[in-house]
Amino acid sequence: MEDKIGVALAMNRIGVNYFNIGKFQKSIEFHQKNLELSDRENSFAAYYNLGISNRSLANFDESLKYFRMALDWSKEFKVRKHEFMIWKF
């Protein structure tokens, strides 16, 4: 696997697609793979998407864990509030 980040992004897109068709557990599996392949700088999407996927399954403790990780990431990389709008669409 030469393009680890490219594969991680592909795992993210597959996870988003599973989420969009209501297959939340399958979405979690692909977002976990995304997280495993991502370096710290590129892990925000995995944290956030794991948060929303777990929330959709009513796994609220797990969801909160990943949302906190996304928040910690944003503080570490000093992302401003308006920059998060990119991730919502």
Protein backbone atom coordinates (compact mmCIF):
# COMPACT_ATOMS: atom_id res chain seq x y z
CA MET A 1 0.00 0.00 0.00
CA GLU A 2 1.96 2.97 -1.25
CA ASP A 3 -0.62 5.74 -0.81
CA LYS A 4 -1.70 5.19 2.79
CA ILE A 5 -3.49 8.54 3.03
CA GLY A 6 -5.30 7.92 -0.26
CA VAL A 7 -6.51 4.55 1.02
CA ALA A 8 -7.57 6.19 4.30
CA LEU A 9 -9.61 8.76 2.38
CA ALA A 10 -11.22 5.99 0.34
CA MET A 11 -12.18 4.20 3.58
CA ASN A 12 -13.74 7.47 4.77
CA ARG A 13 -15.82 7.83 1.58
CA ILE A 14 -17.03 4.23 1.80
CA GLY A 15 -17.95 4.80 5.46
CA VAL A 16 -19.90 7.95 4.52
CA ASN A 17 -21.75 6.03 1.81
CA TYR A 18 -22.72 3.29 4.26
CA PHE A 19 -23.88 5.96 6.71
CA ASN A 20 -26.01 7.60 4.02
CA ILE A 21 -27.88 4.36 3.35
CA GLY A 22 -28.43 3.69 7.05
CA LYS A 23 -25.85 0.93 7.52
CA PHE A 24 -24.28 2.53 10.58
CA GLN A 25 -22.34 -0.48 11.89
CA LYS A 26 -20.73 -0.98 8.48
CA SER A 27 -19.99 2.77 8.43
CA ILE A 28 -18.18 2.43 11.75
CA GLU A 29 -16.05 -0.42 10.39
CA PHE A 30 -14.80 1.71 7.50
CA HIS A 31 -14.24 4.81 9.63
CA GLN A 32 -12.18 2.65 12.01
CA LYS A 33 -10.05 1.56 9.04
CA ASN A 34 -9.72 5.22 8.05
CA LEU A 35 -8.52 6.05 11.56
CA GLU A 36 -6.01 3.17 11.56
CA LEU A 37 -4.50 4.38 8.29
CA SER A 38 -4.55 8.12 9.00
CA ASP A 39 -1.77 10.04 10.62
CA ARG A 40 -2.67 12.43 13.43
CA GLU A 41 -2.94 15.40 11.09
CA ASN A 42 -5.56 13.65 8.96
CA SER A 43 -7.65 11.97 11.66
CA PHE A 44 -10.38 14.58 12.25
CA ALA A 45 -12.87 13.15 9.72
CA ALA A 46 -12.55 9.67 11.23
CA TYR A 47 -13.17 10.97 14.76
CA TYR A 48 -16.15 13.07 13.70
CA ASN A 49 -17.69 10.37 11.50
CA LEU A 50 -17.24 7.73 14.20
CA GLY A 51 -19.06 10.12 16.52
CA ILE A 52 -22.07 10.54 14.25
CA SER A 53 -22.20 6.86 13.27
CA ASN A 54 -22.16 5.74 16.90
CA ARG A 55 -24.76 8.36 17.77
CA SER A 56 -27.02 6.93 15.08
CA LEU A 57 -26.81 3.53 16.81
CA ALA A 58 -27.54 5.13 20.21
CA ASN A 59 -23.99 4.27 21.36
CA PHE A 60 -23.84 7.58 23.15
CA ASP A 61 -20.79 6.95 25.33
CA GLU A 62 -18.78 5.82 22.31
CA SER A 63 -20.13 8.73 20.28
CA LEU A 64 -19.14 11.23 22.93
CA LYS A 65 -15.64 9.70 23.11
CA TYR A 66 -15.09 10.33 19.39
CA PHE A 67 -16.62 13.81 19.45
CA ARG A 68 -14.22 14.69 22.27
CA MET A 69 -11.34 13.34 20.22
CA ALA A 70 -12.45 15.55 17.31
CA LEU A 71 -12.62 18.54 19.65
CA ASP A 72 -9.15 17.79 21.05
CA TRP A 73 -7.87 17.51 17.47
CA SER A 74 -9.34 20.91 16.60
CA LYS A 75 -7.66 22.48 19.62
CA GLU A 76 -4.34 20.84 18.79
CA PHE A 77 -4.42 22.07 15.20
CA LYS A 78 -6.01 25.40 16.16
CA VAL A 79 -8.93 25.07 13.76
CA ARG A 80 -11.34 27.99 13.96
CA LYS A 81 -15.10 27.49 14.17
CA HIS A 82 -15.87 28.65 10.63
CA GLU A 83 -13.39 26.13 9.20
CA PHE A 84 -15.57 23.29 10.51
CA MET A 85 -18.25 24.27 8.01
CA ILE A 86 -16.17 22.54 5.35
CA TRP A 87 -16.59 19.21 7.17
CA LYS A 88 -20.37 19.48 7.45
CA PHE A 89 -21.09 19.43 3.71
